[in-house]
Structure formats: structure tokens, C-alpha cells
Amino acid sequence: MADEQNTVSDLADLKNLSSETPAPAADAEGTEDAAPKAPAAPATPLRDQVIDAQGRAYATGRRKDATARVWVKPGTGKIVVNGRDQEVYFARPSLRLVINQPFEITEREGQYDVFCTVTGGGLSGQAGAVKHGISQALTRYEPALRATVKAAGFLTRDSRVVERKKYGRAKARRSFQFSKR
């Protein structure tokens, strides 16, 4: 009769069965065989929160030849890049969209202020570097967001860079125009 109640035909039944079934009682005689179980640890993030004396999280982001040093702190959503507002520095809306992606995916729009300095590369590479830096800094400020940001692929540095020019070539791979005569 107990076998009829424990029959599983679907994964949902298995979930219900595991929540309904009480834990088996330990044997009175064989207590030395059963190892004592430790209490379940609370779900805490594996990493610690890393914050400086001003209450900011710091991270470095890189993309192509650009490097961004990013500081994130709770605020109103203001993003300052090299001393200028993001609308001024990144005039193209597509670049501002790239920068705001980490906040959108974690549902934290308007909750953090970002201050960053960017050097090297062009505007597109700099926007990617700021996005990488914001993602890293967010996970340092709120370690619980790491799984969400990592699943979106924002913590991985995009290692693609421009190939260098070789001697005897017009560009990296392009050869000079061939002349028959």
C-alpha cells in the first residue's frame, strides 16, 4: 500500500513526493552507522562584498584597446564618464544602450551611480569596456547578482582585438596590388 503512494509518473510528482515524505527515523541500535547530518547552511553568496572606504565597488573593464576603471555606489542612476555625463560622452544611443545593459538585466536601473575613466581605443570599444567594468563592479557590490550577470555573458572579457600589421603587407593580411608588368 505504501508502494502505491510512492509511485512516480512525472517529475512534478517526484517533487511533491519529496516534500511530503517525512525523513526516515534513525535506528536505535545502528546509530554508529548513520553519520550525523549537519544543519543545512543558509543560501549565502560564495563571494564577499568588496567595498572601499567611500562605500563604492571598484572594477576594471576591458574591450579591444580600451580600459575602463569603474566605481559603482548606490545613487540615482547617474553615469559619469571621464568627467562628462554619459549622454555627452557617448552621443550615440546604441552606445548608451550597451552601457546600461548590466543594470537592465539585473533590474537595477536608477539605483546606482557610476563614475568611470576610460582610456584607449574608440568609442565602441570604450562602451564595451565600461559595460564590462560595470558588470564586474556590480557583482562586487552585490555578490548575489553574479549568477544573473554571468549567465548574460557580461563578466567575460571579449578578447578579440585588431590584428597587427605585418611587414610586406598593406594591412594585417591585405597584400599590395599585384602588377603583372
N, C-alpha and C. Protein backbone atom coordinates (compact mmCIF):
# COMPACT_ATOMS: atom_id res chain seq x y z
N MET A 1 0.82 -1.18 0.00
CA MET A 1 0.00 0.00 0.00
C MET A 1 0.87 1.25 0.00
N ALA A 2 1.97 1.22 0.74
CA ALA A 2 2.88 2.36 0.75
C ALA A 2 3.54 2.51 -0.61
N ASP A 3 3.73 1.37 -1.33
CA ASP A 3 4.33 1.43 -2.66
C ASP A 3 3.42 2.14 -3.63
N GLU A 4 2.11 1.99 -3.46
CA GLU A 4 1.17 2.65 -4.35
C GLU A 4 1.24 4.16 -4.18
N GLN A 5 1.45 4.64 -2.97
CA GLN A 5 1.52 6.07 -2.74
C GLN A 5 2.84 6.65 -3.24
N ASN A 6 3.90 5.88 -3.26
CA ASN A 6 5.21 6.37 -3.66
C ASN A 6 5.48 6.18 -5.15
N THR A 7 4.48 5.82 -5.95
CA THR A 7 4.68 5.65 -7.38
C THR A 7 4.85 7.01 -8.03
N VAL A 8 5.86 7.15 -8.88
CA VAL A 8 6.16 8.42 -9.53
C VAL A 8 5.98 8.24 -11.03
N SER A 9 5.13 9.07 -11.62
CA SER A 9 4.93 9.01 -13.07
C SER A 9 5.39 10.29 -13.76
N ASP A 10 5.73 11.30 -12.99
CA ASP A 10 6.11 12.59 -13.57
C ASP A 10 7.12 13.26 -12.62
N LEU A 11 7.91 14.17 -13.16
CA LEU A 11 8.87 14.88 -12.32
C LEU A 11 8.17 15.74 -11.28
N ALA A 12 7.00 16.27 -11.62
CA ALA A 12 6.25 17.07 -10.66
C ALA A 12 5.81 16.20 -9.48
N ASP A 13 5.44 14.93 -9.77
CA ASP A 13 5.08 14.01 -8.70
C ASP A 13 6.27 13.75 -7.79
N LEU A 14 7.46 13.67 -8.39
CA LEU A 14 8.67 13.43 -7.61
C LEU A 14 8.92 14.59 -6.66
N LYS A 15 8.71 15.81 -7.14
CA LYS A 15 8.90 16.99 -6.30
C LYS A 15 7.90 16.97 -5.15
N ASN A 16 6.64 16.67 -5.46
CA ASN A 16 5.61 16.61 -4.42
C ASN A 16 5.91 15.49 -3.43
N LEU A 17 6.37 14.36 -3.94
CA LEU A 17 6.66 13.21 -3.10
C LEU A 17 7.79 13.52 -2.12
N SER A 18 8.84 14.21 -2.62
CA SER A 18 9.97 14.51 -1.75
C SER A 18 9.61 15.52 -0.68
N SER A 19 8.67 16.42 -0.97
CA SER A 19 8.29 17.40 0.05
C SER A 19 7.32 16.81 1.06
N GLU A 20 6.53 15.79 0.66
CA GLU A 20 5.55 15.20 1.56
C GLU A 20 6.14 14.10 2.44
N THR A 21 7.14 13.38 1.92
CA THR A 21 7.69 12.22 2.62
C THR A 21 8.50 12.69 3.82
N PRO A 22 8.18 12.19 5.02
CA PRO A 22 8.99 12.58 6.19
C PRO A 22 10.34 11.89 6.15
N ALA A 23 11.29 12.48 6.83
CA ALA A 23 12.64 11.90 6.87
C ALA A 23 12.60 10.61 7.66
N PRO A 24 13.32 9.56 7.23
CA PRO A 24 13.30 8.30 7.96
C PRO A 24 13.94 8.47 9.33
N ALA A 25 13.35 7.77 10.30
CA ALA A 25 13.86 7.84 11.67
C ALA A 25 15.14 7.02 11.77
N ALA A 26 16.05 7.47 12.59
CA ALA A 26 17.33 6.76 12.76
C ALA A 26 17.10 5.51 13.59
N ASP A 27 17.86 4.46 13.29
CA ASP A 27 17.76 3.21 14.04
C ASP A 27 18.29 3.42 15.45
N ALA A 28 17.60 2.84 16.39
CA ALA A 28 18.05 2.97 17.78
C ALA A 28 19.33 2.19 18.00
N GLU A 29 19.47 1.03 17.30
CA GLU A 29 20.64 0.19 17.52
C GLU A 29 21.82 0.63 16.65
N GLY A 30 21.56 1.04 15.42
CA GLY A 30 22.65 1.31 14.48
C GLY A 30 22.97 2.79 14.36
N THR A 31 23.11 3.50 15.43
CA THR A 31 23.41 4.92 15.37
C THR A 31 24.85 5.17 14.94
N GLU A 32 25.75 4.21 15.15
CA GLU A 32 27.13 4.44 14.74
C GLU A 32 27.27 4.37 13.22
N ASP A 33 26.36 3.65 12.53
CA ASP A 33 26.43 3.57 11.07
C ASP A 33 25.94 4.86 10.42
N ALA A 34 24.97 5.50 11.02
CA ALA A 34 24.41 6.71 10.43
C ALA A 34 25.23 7.91 10.89
N ALA A 35 25.80 8.62 9.93
CA ALA A 35 26.59 9.80 10.26
C ALA A 35 25.66 10.94 10.61
N PRO A 36 25.98 11.71 11.63
CA PRO A 36 25.12 12.84 11.97
C PRO A 36 25.15 13.87 10.85
N LYS A 37 23.97 14.35 10.46
CA LYS A 37 23.88 15.30 9.36
C LYS A 37 24.01 16.72 9.91
N ALA A 38 24.81 17.51 9.22
CA ALA A 38 24.98 18.90 9.62
C ALA A 38 23.74 19.69 9.21
N PRO A 39 23.38 20.71 9.95
CA PRO A 39 22.23 21.52 9.55
C PRO A 39 22.50 22.19 8.21
N ALA A 40 21.45 22.36 7.42
CA ALA A 40 21.60 22.95 6.10
C ALA A 40 22.08 24.39 6.23
N ALA A 41 23.10 24.72 5.48
CA ALA A 41 23.66 26.07 5.53
C ALA A 41 22.72 27.03 4.80
N PRO A 42 22.56 28.23 5.30
CA PRO A 42 21.71 29.20 4.60
C PRO A 42 22.31 29.55 3.24
N ALA A 43 21.46 29.93 2.31
CA ALA A 43 21.91 30.24 0.96
C ALA A 43 22.63 31.59 0.98
N THR A 44 23.94 31.55 1.15
CA THR A 44 24.74 32.77 1.14
C THR A 44 25.59 32.79 -0.12
N PRO A 45 25.91 33.97 -0.62
CA PRO A 45 26.76 34.03 -1.80
C PRO A 45 28.15 33.50 -1.50
N LEU A 46 28.77 32.93 -2.51
CA LEU A 46 30.07 32.33 -2.32
C LEU A 46 31.16 33.39 -2.14
N ARG A 47 30.93 34.58 -2.66
CA ARG A 47 31.93 35.63 -2.58
C ARG A 47 31.50 36.70 -1.59
N ASP A 48 32.47 37.45 -1.12
CA ASP A 48 32.19 38.52 -0.18
C ASP A 48 32.01 39.84 -0.92
N GLN A 49 31.32 40.75 -0.28
CA GLN A 49 31.13 42.08 -0.83
C GLN A 49 32.45 42.85 -0.69
N VAL A 50 32.89 43.51 -1.77
CA VAL A 50 34.15 44.24 -1.76
C VAL A 50 33.83 45.72 -1.96
N ILE A 51 33.98 46.50 -0.87
CA ILE A 51 33.64 47.92 -0.91
C ILE A 51 34.79 48.71 -0.30
N ASP A 52 35.09 49.91 -0.87
CA ASP A 52 36.15 50.74 -0.31
C ASP A 52 35.61 51.63 0.80
N ALA A 53 36.44 52.53 1.30
CA ALA A 53 36.07 53.37 2.44
C ALA A 53 34.92 54.34 2.11
N GLN A 54 34.76 54.70 0.83
CA GLN A 54 33.68 55.61 0.43
C GLN A 54 32.38 54.87 0.11
N GLY A 55 32.35 53.56 0.29
CA GLY A 55 31.15 52.79 0.02
C GLY A 55 30.96 52.46 -1.45
N ARG A 56 32.06 52.42 -2.20
CA ARG A 56 32.00 52.13 -3.64
C ARG A 56 32.64 50.78 -3.94
N ALA A 57 32.17 50.17 -5.01
CA ALA A 57 32.80 48.95 -5.52
C ALA A 57 33.59 49.33 -6.76
N TYR A 58 34.82 48.83 -6.86
CA TYR A 58 35.70 49.16 -7.98
C TYR A 58 35.95 47.94 -8.86
N ALA A 59 36.04 48.19 -10.16
CA ALA A 59 36.40 47.11 -11.08
C ALA A 59 37.03 47.72 -12.34
N THR A 60 37.78 46.90 -13.04
CA THR A 60 38.38 47.31 -14.30
C THR A 60 37.73 46.53 -15.43
N GLY A 61 37.33 47.24 -16.48
CA GLY A 61 36.73 46.60 -17.65
C GLY A 61 37.61 46.82 -18.87
N ARG A 62 37.65 45.83 -19.74
CA ARG A 62 38.47 45.96 -20.95
C ARG A 62 37.72 45.46 -22.17
N ARG A 63 37.98 46.12 -23.31
CA ARG A 63 37.41 45.71 -24.59
C ARG A 63 38.27 46.30 -25.69
N LYS A 64 38.71 45.48 -26.64
CA LYS A 64 39.63 45.89 -27.70
C LYS A 64 40.84 46.57 -27.06
N ASP A 65 41.14 47.82 -27.40
CA ASP A 65 42.28 48.51 -26.80
C ASP A 65 41.86 49.43 -25.66
N ALA A 66 40.59 49.43 -25.29
CA ALA A 66 40.08 50.34 -24.28
C ALA A 66 40.13 49.70 -22.89
N THR A 67 40.42 50.54 -21.89
CA THR A 67 40.43 50.12 -20.50
C THR A 67 39.60 51.11 -19.70
N ALA A 68 38.67 50.59 -18.90
CA ALA A 68 37.80 51.45 -18.09
C ALA A 68 37.98 51.12 -16.62
N ARG A 69 38.20 52.15 -15.82
CA ARG A 69 38.23 52.00 -14.36
C ARG A 69 36.88 52.47 -13.86
N VAL A 70 36.13 51.61 -13.19
CA VAL A 70 34.73 51.89 -12.86
C VAL A 70 34.50 51.80 -11.35
N TRP A 71 33.80 52.80 -10.81
CA TRP A 71 33.36 52.80 -9.42
C TRP A 71 31.84 52.85 -9.40
N VAL A 72 31.22 51.98 -8.63
CA VAL A 72 29.76 51.90 -8.52
C VAL A 72 29.38 52.10 -7.06
N LYS A 73 28.36 52.96 -6.84
CA LYS A 73 27.84 53.16 -5.49
C LYS A 73 26.34 53.41 -5.58
N PRO A 74 25.59 53.16 -4.51
CA PRO A 74 24.14 53.40 -4.56
C PRO A 74 23.87 54.88 -4.83
N GLY A 75 22.85 55.12 -5.65
CA GLY A 75 22.54 56.50 -6.00
C GLY A 75 21.28 56.60 -6.85
N THR A 76 21.31 57.56 -7.77
CA THR A 76 20.12 57.87 -8.57
C THR A 76 20.21 57.40 -10.02
N GLY A 77 21.29 56.75 -10.39
CA GLY A 77 21.43 56.26 -11.75
C GLY A 77 22.28 57.15 -12.64
N LYS A 78 23.03 58.05 -12.05
CA LYS A 78 23.87 58.97 -12.82
C LYS A 78 25.15 58.26 -13.25
N ILE A 79 25.49 58.37 -14.53
CA ILE A 79 26.70 57.75 -15.05
C ILE A 79 27.61 58.85 -15.59
N VAL A 80 28.81 58.95 -15.02
CA VAL A 80 29.79 59.97 -15.42
C VAL A 80 30.99 59.26 -16.02
N VAL A 81 31.33 59.64 -17.27
CA VAL A 81 32.45 59.03 -17.98
C VAL A 81 33.47 60.12 -18.28
N ASN A 82 34.67 59.97 -17.75
CA ASN A 82 35.75 60.95 -17.93
C ASN A 82 35.30 62.36 -17.58
N GLY A 83 34.55 62.51 -16.50
CA GLY A 83 34.11 63.82 -16.04
C GLY A 83 32.92 64.39 -16.78
N ARG A 84 32.39 63.67 -17.76
CA ARG A 84 31.23 64.14 -18.52
C ARG A 84 30.08 63.17 -18.36
N ASP A 85 28.86 63.67 -18.54
CA ASP A 85 27.67 62.83 -18.46
C ASP A 85 27.68 61.83 -19.61
N GLN A 86 27.04 60.69 -19.42
CA GLN A 86 27.07 59.66 -20.46
C GLN A 86 26.43 60.12 -21.76
N GLU A 87 25.39 60.99 -21.69
CA GLU A 87 24.75 61.49 -22.91
C GLU A 87 25.69 62.35 -23.74
N VAL A 88 26.63 63.02 -23.06
CA VAL A 88 27.59 63.88 -23.76
C VAL A 88 28.74 63.04 -24.30
N TYR A 89 29.28 62.14 -23.47
CA TYR A 89 30.45 61.37 -23.89
C TYR A 89 30.08 60.33 -24.95
N PHE A 90 29.02 59.56 -24.70
CA PHE A 90 28.55 58.57 -25.67
C PHE A 90 27.30 59.14 -26.32
N ALA A 91 27.47 59.90 -27.40
CA ALA A 91 26.36 60.59 -28.05
C ALA A 91 25.41 59.61 -28.74
N ARG A 92 25.95 58.50 -29.25
CA ARG A 92 25.09 57.53 -29.94
C ARG A 92 24.24 56.76 -28.94
N PRO A 93 22.93 56.66 -29.19
CA PRO A 93 22.06 55.91 -28.26
C PRO A 93 22.44 54.44 -28.14
N SER A 94 23.00 53.87 -29.21
CA SER A 94 23.37 52.45 -29.15
C SER A 94 24.49 52.22 -28.14
N LEU A 95 25.40 53.17 -28.00
CA LEU A 95 26.48 53.03 -27.03
C LEU A 95 25.95 53.16 -25.60
N ARG A 96 25.00 54.07 -25.41
CA ARG A 96 24.39 54.21 -24.07
C ARG A 96 23.58 52.96 -23.73
N LEU A 97 22.98 52.34 -24.73
CA LEU A 97 22.24 51.10 -24.51
C LEU A 97 23.19 50.00 -24.04
N VAL A 98 24.38 49.94 -24.63
CA VAL A 98 25.37 48.94 -24.25
C VAL A 98 25.79 49.14 -22.80
N ILE A 99 25.99 50.38 -22.40
CA ILE A 99 26.43 50.68 -21.03
C ILE A 99 25.36 50.29 -20.01
N ASN A 100 24.09 50.49 -20.35
CA ASN A 100 23.01 50.24 -19.39
C ASN A 100 22.57 48.78 -19.34
N GLN A 101 23.10 47.92 -20.18
CA GLN A 101 22.68 46.51 -20.21
C GLN A 101 22.85 45.79 -18.87
N PRO A 102 23.96 45.97 -18.14
CA PRO A 102 24.07 45.26 -16.85
C PRO A 102 22.98 45.66 -15.86
N PHE A 103 22.57 46.93 -15.87
CA PHE A 103 21.51 47.38 -14.96
C PHE A 103 20.15 46.83 -15.38
N GLU A 104 19.91 46.75 -16.68
CA GLU A 104 18.62 46.24 -17.17
C GLU A 104 18.47 44.76 -16.85
N ILE A 105 19.54 43.99 -17.04
CA ILE A 105 19.44 42.55 -16.84
C ILE A 105 19.29 42.19 -15.36
N THR A 106 19.84 43.05 -14.47
CA THR A 106 19.72 42.80 -13.04
C THR A 106 18.56 43.56 -12.41
N GLU A 107 17.82 44.30 -13.24
CA GLU A 107 16.67 45.11 -12.79
C GLU A 107 17.10 46.11 -11.72
N ARG A 108 18.19 46.82 -11.98
CA ARG A 108 18.72 47.81 -11.03
C ARG A 108 18.84 49.19 -11.69
N GLU A 109 17.97 49.52 -12.66
CA GLU A 109 18.04 50.82 -13.33
C GLU A 109 17.76 51.93 -12.33
N GLY A 110 18.60 52.94 -12.34
CA GLY A 110 18.40 54.10 -11.48
C GLY A 110 18.74 53.87 -10.02
N GLN A 111 19.39 52.78 -9.67
CA GLN A 111 19.71 52.50 -8.27
C GLN A 111 21.18 52.73 -7.94
N TYR A 112 22.04 52.84 -8.95
CA TYR A 112 23.47 53.00 -8.72
C TYR A 112 24.01 54.17 -9.52
N ASP A 113 24.95 54.90 -8.90
CA ASP A 113 25.71 55.92 -9.61
C ASP A 113 27.01 55.29 -10.07
N VAL A 114 27.45 55.67 -11.27
CA VAL A 114 28.66 55.11 -11.84
C VAL A 114 29.61 56.25 -12.18
N PHE A 115 30.85 56.13 -11.74
CA PHE A 115 31.90 57.06 -12.11
C PHE A 115 33.00 56.24 -12.75
N CYS A 116 33.40 56.62 -13.97
CA CYS A 116 34.44 55.83 -14.63
C CYS A 116 35.37 56.70 -15.45
N THR A 117 36.58 56.21 -15.61
CA THR A 117 37.56 56.83 -16.50
C THR A 117 37.94 55.79 -17.54
N VAL A 118 37.94 56.24 -18.80
CA VAL A 118 38.20 55.31 -19.91
C VAL A 118 39.36 55.85 -20.74
N THR A 119 40.27 54.95 -21.12
CA THR A 119 41.38 55.34 -21.99
C THR A 119 41.53 54.31 -23.09
N GLY A 120 42.07 54.76 -24.22
CA GLY A 120 42.40 53.85 -25.31
C GLY A 120 41.22 53.47 -26.17
N GLY A 121 41.54 53.07 -27.41
CA GLY A 121 40.50 52.58 -28.31
C GLY A 121 39.56 53.65 -28.81
N GLY A 122 38.49 53.21 -29.44
CA GLY A 122 37.46 54.12 -29.95
C GLY A 122 36.25 54.09 -29.04
N LEU A 123 35.21 54.78 -29.46
CA LEU A 123 34.01 54.89 -28.62
C LEU A 123 33.33 53.54 -28.41
N SER A 124 33.28 52.71 -29.44
CA SER A 124 32.62 51.41 -29.31
C SER A 124 33.37 50.52 -28.32
N GLY A 125 34.69 50.48 -28.43
CA GLY A 125 35.49 49.69 -27.50
C GLY A 125 35.40 50.24 -26.09
N GLN A 126 35.34 51.57 -25.97
CA GLN A 126 35.23 52.17 -24.65
C GLN A 126 33.88 51.85 -24.01
N ALA A 127 32.81 51.85 -24.80
CA ALA A 127 31.49 51.49 -24.27
C ALA A 127 31.49 50.04 -23.79
N GLY A 128 32.12 49.15 -24.55
CA GLY A 128 32.22 47.75 -24.13
C GLY A 128 33.05 47.59 -22.87
N ALA A 129 34.10 48.41 -22.74
CA ALA A 129 34.94 48.35 -21.54
C ALA A 129 34.17 48.84 -20.31
N VAL A 130 33.37 49.90 -20.49
CA VAL A 130 32.57 50.42 -19.38
C VAL A 130 31.52 49.38 -18.97
N LYS A 131 30.91 48.72 -19.95
CA LYS A 131 29.92 47.67 -19.65
C LYS A 131 30.56 46.54 -18.86
N HIS A 132 31.74 46.11 -19.28
CA HIS A 132 32.46 45.04 -18.58
C HIS A 132 32.81 45.48 -17.16
N GLY A 133 33.26 46.72 -17.01
CA GLY A 133 33.62 47.23 -15.69
C GLY A 133 32.41 47.36 -14.77
N ILE A 134 31.28 47.84 -15.31
CA ILE A 134 30.06 47.97 -14.51
C ILE A 134 29.60 46.60 -14.04
N SER A 135 29.66 45.62 -14.93
CA SER A 135 29.24 44.26 -14.57
C SER A 135 30.10 43.70 -13.45
N GLN A 136 31.41 43.89 -13.56
CA GLN A 136 32.32 43.39 -12.53
C GLN A 136 32.07 44.10 -11.20
N ALA A 137 31.90 45.43 -11.26
CA ALA A 137 31.70 46.21 -10.03
C ALA A 137 30.36 45.88 -9.37
N LEU A 138 29.33 45.65 -10.18
CA LEU A 138 28.02 45.27 -9.62
C LEU A 138 28.11 43.96 -8.86
N THR A 139 28.84 43.01 -9.40
CA THR A 139 28.96 41.72 -8.72
C THR A 139 29.82 41.84 -7.46
N ARG A 140 30.68 42.83 -7.40
CA ARG A 140 31.45 43.04 -6.17
C ARG A 140 30.60 43.73 -5.12
N TYR A 141 29.68 44.61 -5.57
CA TYR A 141 28.82 45.30 -4.61
C TYR A 141 27.69 44.39 -4.13
N GLU A 142 27.08 43.66 -5.09
CA GLU A 142 26.00 42.72 -4.75
C GLU A 142 26.38 41.34 -5.28
N PRO A 143 27.07 40.52 -4.51
CA PRO A 143 27.51 39.21 -4.99
C PRO A 143 26.36 38.30 -5.42
N ALA A 144 25.15 38.54 -4.95
CA ALA A 144 24.02 37.71 -5.35
C ALA A 144 23.66 37.89 -6.83
N LEU A 145 24.09 39.00 -7.42
CA LEU A 145 23.78 39.26 -8.84
C LEU A 145 24.73 38.54 -9.79
N ARG A 146 25.77 37.92 -9.25
CA ARG A 146 26.80 37.32 -10.10
C ARG A 146 26.24 36.29 -11.07
N ALA A 147 25.34 35.45 -10.62
CA ALA A 147 24.79 34.40 -11.49
C ALA A 147 24.04 35.00 -12.67
N THR A 148 23.27 36.05 -12.41
CA THR A 148 22.50 36.70 -13.48
C THR A 148 23.41 37.35 -14.51
N VAL A 149 24.41 38.08 -14.02
CA VAL A 149 25.31 38.80 -14.92
C VAL A 149 26.20 37.83 -15.68
N LYS A 150 26.63 36.77 -15.02
CA LYS A 150 27.48 35.78 -15.67
C LYS A 150 26.72 35.01 -16.75
N ALA A 151 25.45 34.70 -16.48
CA ALA A 151 24.63 33.99 -17.47
C ALA A 151 24.43 34.84 -18.72
N ALA A 152 24.41 36.14 -18.56
CA ALA A 152 24.27 37.03 -19.72
C ALA A 152 25.59 37.19 -20.47
N GLY A 153 26.70 36.74 -19.88
CA GLY A 153 28.00 36.81 -20.54
C GLY A 153 28.72 38.13 -20.37
N PHE A 154 28.31 38.93 -19.38
CA PHE A 154 28.90 40.25 -19.21
C PHE A 154 30.19 40.23 -18.38
N LEU A 155 30.48 39.15 -17.69
CA LEU A 155 31.70 39.09 -16.89
C LEU A 155 32.89 38.60 -17.69
N THR A 156 32.65 38.04 -18.86
CA THR A 156 33.72 37.52 -19.70
C THR A 156 34.30 38.64 -20.55
N ARG A 157 35.60 38.80 -20.51
CA ARG A 157 36.24 39.82 -21.32
C ARG A 157 36.25 39.36 -22.76
N ASP A 158 35.79 40.24 -23.65
CA ASP A 158 35.80 39.93 -25.08
C ASP A 158 37.23 40.12 -25.56
N SER A 159 37.91 39.03 -25.84
CA SER A 159 39.36 39.08 -26.11
C SER A 159 39.70 39.42 -27.56
N ARG A 160 38.70 39.67 -28.40
CA ARG A 160 39.00 39.98 -29.79
C ARG A 160 39.64 41.36 -29.90
N VAL A 161 40.79 41.41 -30.52
CA VAL A 161 41.49 42.67 -30.74
C VAL A 161 41.89 42.75 -32.21
N VAL A 162 42.27 43.95 -32.64
CA VAL A 162 42.66 44.15 -34.03
C VAL A 162 44.00 43.45 -34.28
N GLU A 163 44.07 42.73 -35.38
CA GLU A 163 45.30 42.03 -35.73
C GLU A 163 46.35 43.04 -36.18
N ARG A 164 47.60 42.81 -35.81
CA ARG A 164 48.64 43.78 -36.14
C ARG A 164 49.03 43.70 -37.61
N LYS A 165 49.56 44.82 -38.10
CA LYS A 165 50.02 44.87 -39.48
C LYS A 165 51.37 44.15 -39.58
N LYS A 166 51.53 43.38 -40.65
CA LYS A 166 52.78 42.67 -40.87
C LYS A 166 53.59 43.39 -41.96
N TYR A 167 54.91 43.22 -41.88
CA TYR A 167 55.76 43.84 -42.90
C TYR A 167 55.54 43.12 -44.23
N GLY A 168 55.68 43.84 -45.32
CA GLY A 168 55.47 43.27 -46.65
C GLY A 168 54.00 43.17 -47.02
N ARG A 169 53.12 43.72 -46.18
CA ARG A 169 51.68 43.71 -46.42
C ARG A 169 51.14 45.12 -46.31
N ALA A 170 50.04 45.37 -47.00
CA ALA A 170 49.41 46.69 -46.93
C ALA A 170 48.71 46.88 -45.58
N LYS A 171 48.05 45.82 -45.12
CA LYS A 171 47.40 45.84 -43.80
C LYS A 171 47.79 44.56 -43.09
N ALA A 172 46.94 44.06 -42.20
CA ALA A 172 47.30 42.85 -41.47
C ALA A 172 47.42 41.66 -42.41
N ARG A 173 46.51 41.53 -43.36
CA ARG A 173 46.54 40.40 -44.29
C ARG A 173 46.51 40.84 -45.75
N ARG A 174 46.06 42.05 -45.99
CA ARG A 174 45.93 42.54 -47.37
C ARG A 174 47.31 42.76 -47.96
N SER A 175 47.54 42.17 -49.12
CA SER A 175 48.83 42.38 -49.80
C SER A 175 48.71 43.55 -50.76
N PHE A 176 49.88 44.04 -51.20
CA PHE A 176 49.88 45.13 -52.16
C PHE A 176 49.33 44.65 -53.50
N GLN A 177 48.84 45.58 -54.29
CA GLN A 177 48.24 45.21 -55.58
C GLN A 177 49.29 44.57 -56.49
N PHE A 178 48.88 43.46 -57.07
CA PHE A 178 49.80 42.72 -57.95
C PHE A 178 49.87 43.39 -59.31
N SER A 179 51.09 43.54 -59.82
CA SER A 179 51.28 44.12 -61.14
C SER A 179 52.00 43.10 -62.01
N LYS A 180 51.37 42.74 -63.10
CA LYS A 180 51.97 41.74 -63.98
C LYS A 180 53.20 42.29 -64.67
N ARG A 181 53.18 43.55 -65.02
CA ARG A 181 54.32 44.18 -65.72
C ARG A 181 54.80 45.41 -65.00
